Amino acid sequence: MATTKITVNNNGSLIIDGDFEIVDKSGNSYDLGGRDKVTLCRCGLSNNKPFCDGSHRNHFEHDAVAFALPPKKV
């Protein structure tokens, strides 16, 4: 099974790398043009949402440091 890696960038996008599919709210797949690596917008400023176009530069601050989530509620 292929793995998918998601990298949270400081002050920027999410990089998705590996075997993945991105669908809209109706389940329709985005045509990724054969890419196996894309960047997704986190700031909401991209004109190409859900994909990043670099609009976040100097407008979005987030220090991407991993942490543990609280235990899952049962």
N, C-alpha and C. Protein backbone atom coordinates (compact mmCIF):
# COMPACT_ATOMS: atom_id res chain seq x y z
N MET A 1 0.84 -1.18 0.00
CA MET A 1 0.00 0.00 0.00
C MET A 1 0.89 1.25 0.00
N ALA A 2 0.61 2.16 -0.90
CA ALA A 2 1.37 3.40 -0.98
C ALA A 2 1.00 4.31 0.19
N THR A 3 1.95 5.11 0.61
CA THR A 3 1.69 6.02 1.72
C THR A 3 1.47 7.43 1.21
N THR A 4 0.77 8.19 2.00
CA THR A 4 0.54 9.60 1.72
C THR A 4 1.16 10.39 2.85
N LYS A 5 1.92 11.41 2.51
CA LYS A 5 2.55 12.27 3.51
C LYS A 5 1.96 13.66 3.37
N ILE A 6 1.53 14.24 4.50
CA ILE A 6 1.03 15.62 4.52
C ILE A 6 1.97 16.43 5.39
N THR A 7 2.55 17.46 4.80
CA THR A 7 3.48 18.33 5.52
C THR A 7 2.83 19.68 5.75
N VAL A 8 2.82 20.12 7.01
CA VAL A 8 2.27 21.43 7.36
C VAL A 8 3.42 22.43 7.36
N ASN A 9 3.39 23.36 6.43
CA ASN A 9 4.46 24.36 6.32
C ASN A 9 4.25 25.51 7.29
N ASN A 10 5.34 26.03 7.84
CA ASN A 10 5.26 27.27 8.60
C ASN A 10 4.69 28.35 7.69
N ASN A 11 3.77 29.14 8.19
CA ASN A 11 3.25 30.31 7.47
C ASN A 11 2.78 29.99 6.06
N GLY A 12 2.25 28.79 5.84
CA GLY A 12 1.85 28.48 4.47
C GLY A 12 0.98 27.25 4.32
N SER A 13 1.16 26.62 3.20
CA SER A 13 0.28 25.56 2.72
C SER A 13 0.50 24.21 3.37
N LEU A 14 -0.37 23.27 2.99
CA LEU A 14 -0.20 21.86 3.29
C LEU A 14 0.32 21.21 2.01
N ILE A 15 1.39 20.44 2.11
CA ILE A 15 1.89 19.70 0.97
C ILE A 15 1.41 18.27 1.11
N ILE A 16 0.72 17.77 0.09
CA ILE A 16 0.26 16.39 0.07
C ILE A 16 1.08 15.66 -0.99
N ASP A 17 1.73 14.58 -0.56
CA ASP A 17 2.67 13.87 -1.41
C ASP A 17 2.40 12.37 -1.31
N GLY A 18 2.23 11.69 -2.43
CA GLY A 18 2.02 10.25 -2.41
C GLY A 18 0.82 9.85 -3.24
N ASP A 19 0.12 8.84 -2.77
CA ASP A 19 -1.05 8.31 -3.46
C ASP A 19 -2.29 8.89 -2.78
N PHE A 20 -3.01 9.77 -3.48
CA PHE A 20 -4.18 10.41 -2.88
C PHE A 20 -5.16 10.83 -3.96
N GLU A 21 -6.36 11.14 -3.52
CA GLU A 21 -7.40 11.68 -4.38
C GLU A 21 -8.01 12.86 -3.63
N ILE A 22 -8.32 13.93 -4.34
CA ILE A 22 -8.98 15.08 -3.73
C ILE A 22 -10.34 15.22 -4.40
N VAL A 23 -11.40 15.28 -3.58
CA VAL A 23 -12.76 15.37 -4.11
C VAL A 23 -13.46 16.60 -3.55
N ASP A 24 -14.45 17.09 -4.29
CA ASP A 24 -15.25 18.21 -3.81
C ASP A 24 -16.36 17.69 -2.91
N LYS A 25 -17.23 18.59 -2.44
CA LYS A 25 -18.26 18.20 -1.48
C LYS A 25 -19.27 17.21 -2.05
N SER A 26 -19.33 17.10 -3.38
CA SER A 26 -20.24 16.15 -4.01
C SER A 26 -19.55 14.83 -4.36
N GLY A 27 -18.27 14.73 -4.04
CA GLY A 27 -17.53 13.50 -4.32
C GLY A 27 -16.86 13.46 -5.68
N ASN A 28 -16.93 14.59 -6.42
CA ASN A 28 -16.29 14.66 -7.73
C ASN A 28 -14.79 14.89 -7.57
N SER A 29 -13.98 14.11 -8.29
CA SER A 29 -12.53 14.22 -8.19
C SER A 29 -11.99 15.42 -8.95
N TYR A 30 -11.03 16.12 -8.33
CA TYR A 30 -10.29 17.16 -9.03
C TYR A 30 -9.32 16.48 -9.99
N ASP A 31 -9.16 17.03 -11.19
CA ASP A 31 -8.19 16.51 -12.15
C ASP A 31 -6.84 17.12 -11.78
N LEU A 32 -5.96 16.30 -11.24
CA LEU A 32 -4.66 16.78 -10.75
C LEU A 32 -3.60 16.74 -11.84
N GLY A 33 -3.99 16.41 -13.05
CA GLY A 33 -3.05 16.45 -14.17
C GLY A 33 -1.86 15.53 -14.00
N GLY A 34 -2.07 14.39 -13.34
CA GLY A 34 -0.99 13.42 -13.15
C GLY A 34 -0.05 13.72 -12.00
N ARG A 35 -0.33 14.77 -11.24
CA ARG A 35 0.55 15.13 -10.12
C ARG A 35 0.41 14.15 -8.97
N ASP A 36 1.53 13.86 -8.30
CA ASP A 36 1.48 13.07 -7.07
C ASP A 36 1.92 13.91 -5.88
N LYS A 37 1.98 15.22 -6.10
CA LYS A 37 2.32 16.18 -5.04
C LYS A 37 1.62 17.50 -5.36
N VAL A 38 0.82 17.98 -4.40
CA VAL A 38 0.13 19.27 -4.56
C VAL A 38 0.20 20.03 -3.24
N THR A 39 -0.08 21.32 -3.31
CA THR A 39 -0.15 22.12 -2.09
C THR A 39 -1.57 22.65 -1.95
N LEU A 40 -2.09 22.55 -0.72
CA LEU A 40 -3.44 23.03 -0.42
C LEU A 40 -3.37 24.30 0.41
N CYS A 41 -4.27 25.22 0.12
CA CYS A 41 -4.35 26.50 0.83
C CYS A 41 -4.85 26.30 2.26
N ARG A 42 -4.20 26.99 3.21
CA ARG A 42 -4.68 27.01 4.61
C ARG A 42 -5.13 28.39 5.02
N CYS A 43 -4.72 29.42 4.27
CA CYS A 43 -4.97 30.80 4.70
C CYS A 43 -6.30 31.36 4.19
N GLY A 44 -6.84 30.77 3.12
CA GLY A 44 -8.09 31.28 2.55
C GLY A 44 -7.90 32.39 1.54
N LEU A 45 -6.66 32.78 1.24
CA LEU A 45 -6.41 33.90 0.34
C LEU A 45 -6.18 33.48 -1.12
N SER A 46 -5.99 32.19 -1.38
CA SER A 46 -5.68 31.72 -2.73
C SER A 46 -6.83 31.99 -3.69
N ASN A 47 -6.48 32.37 -4.91
CA ASN A 47 -7.46 32.52 -5.98
C ASN A 47 -7.69 31.19 -6.69
N ASN A 48 -6.99 30.16 -6.24
CA ASN A 48 -7.03 28.84 -6.87
C ASN A 48 -7.44 27.77 -5.86
N LYS A 49 -8.29 28.16 -4.89
CA LYS A 49 -8.70 27.23 -3.84
C LYS A 49 -9.31 25.97 -4.43
N PRO A 50 -9.07 24.81 -3.88
CA PRO A 50 -8.42 24.55 -2.60
C PRO A 50 -6.90 24.53 -2.69
N PHE A 51 -6.34 24.82 -3.86
CA PHE A 51 -4.90 24.74 -4.05
C PHE A 51 -4.23 26.07 -3.71
N CYS A 52 -3.01 25.99 -3.24
CA CYS A 52 -2.25 27.18 -2.84
C CYS A 52 -1.67 27.87 -4.08
N ASP A 53 -1.75 29.21 -4.10
CA ASP A 53 -1.11 29.97 -5.17
C ASP A 53 -0.07 30.94 -4.62
N GLY A 54 0.27 30.81 -3.33
CA GLY A 54 1.30 31.66 -2.72
C GLY A 54 0.77 32.97 -2.17
N SER A 55 -0.53 33.21 -2.21
CA SER A 55 -1.11 34.46 -1.73
C SER A 55 -0.89 34.69 -0.24
N HIS A 56 -0.57 33.64 0.51
CA HIS A 56 -0.39 33.73 1.96
C HIS A 56 0.86 34.53 2.35
N ARG A 57 1.79 34.69 1.45
CA ARG A 57 3.06 35.34 1.80
C ARG A 57 2.82 36.68 2.49
N ASN A 58 3.40 36.81 3.68
CA ASN A 58 3.30 38.02 4.51
C ASN A 58 1.89 38.32 5.01
N HIS A 59 0.97 37.35 4.92
CA HIS A 59 -0.40 37.55 5.39
C HIS A 59 -0.91 36.43 6.28
N PHE A 60 -0.05 35.47 6.60
CA PHE A 60 -0.52 34.29 7.33
C PHE A 60 0.63 33.80 8.21
N GLU A 61 0.38 33.74 9.51
CA GLU A 61 1.43 33.29 10.42
C GLU A 61 0.97 32.07 11.20
N HIS A 62 1.76 31.03 11.12
CA HIS A 62 1.50 29.83 11.89
C HIS A 62 2.79 29.05 12.02
N ASP A 63 3.22 28.79 13.24
CA ASP A 63 4.42 28.01 13.49
C ASP A 63 4.03 26.55 13.52
N ALA A 64 4.37 25.82 12.47
CA ALA A 64 3.95 24.41 12.33
C ALA A 64 4.85 23.51 13.17
N VAL A 65 4.39 23.21 14.37
CA VAL A 65 5.11 22.32 15.28
C VAL A 65 4.15 21.21 15.68
N ALA A 66 4.57 19.97 15.50
CA ALA A 66 3.72 18.82 15.80
C ALA A 66 3.40 18.74 17.29
N PHE A 67 2.21 18.26 17.61
CA PHE A 67 1.79 18.05 18.99
C PHE A 67 0.81 16.88 19.03
N ALA A 68 0.54 16.38 20.20
CA ALA A 68 -0.40 15.26 20.36
C ALA A 68 -1.81 15.78 20.59
N LEU A 69 -2.76 15.21 19.89
CA LEU A 69 -4.16 15.53 20.12
C LEU A 69 -4.62 14.85 21.41
N PRO A 70 -5.66 15.41 22.05
CA PRO A 70 -6.20 14.72 23.23
C PRO A 70 -6.78 13.37 22.80
N PRO A 71 -6.96 12.45 23.73
CA PRO A 71 -7.51 11.14 23.39
C PRO A 71 -8.87 11.28 22.69
N LYS A 72 -9.13 10.36 21.78
CA LYS A 72 -10.39 10.34 21.03
C LYS A 72 -11.54 10.04 21.99
N LYS A 73 -12.63 10.78 21.83
CA LYS A 73 -13.81 10.55 22.67
C LYS A 73 -14.53 9.30 22.17
N VAL A 74 -14.98 8.51 23.13
CA VAL A 74 -15.69 7.27 22.79
C VAL A 74 -17.13 7.33 23.20
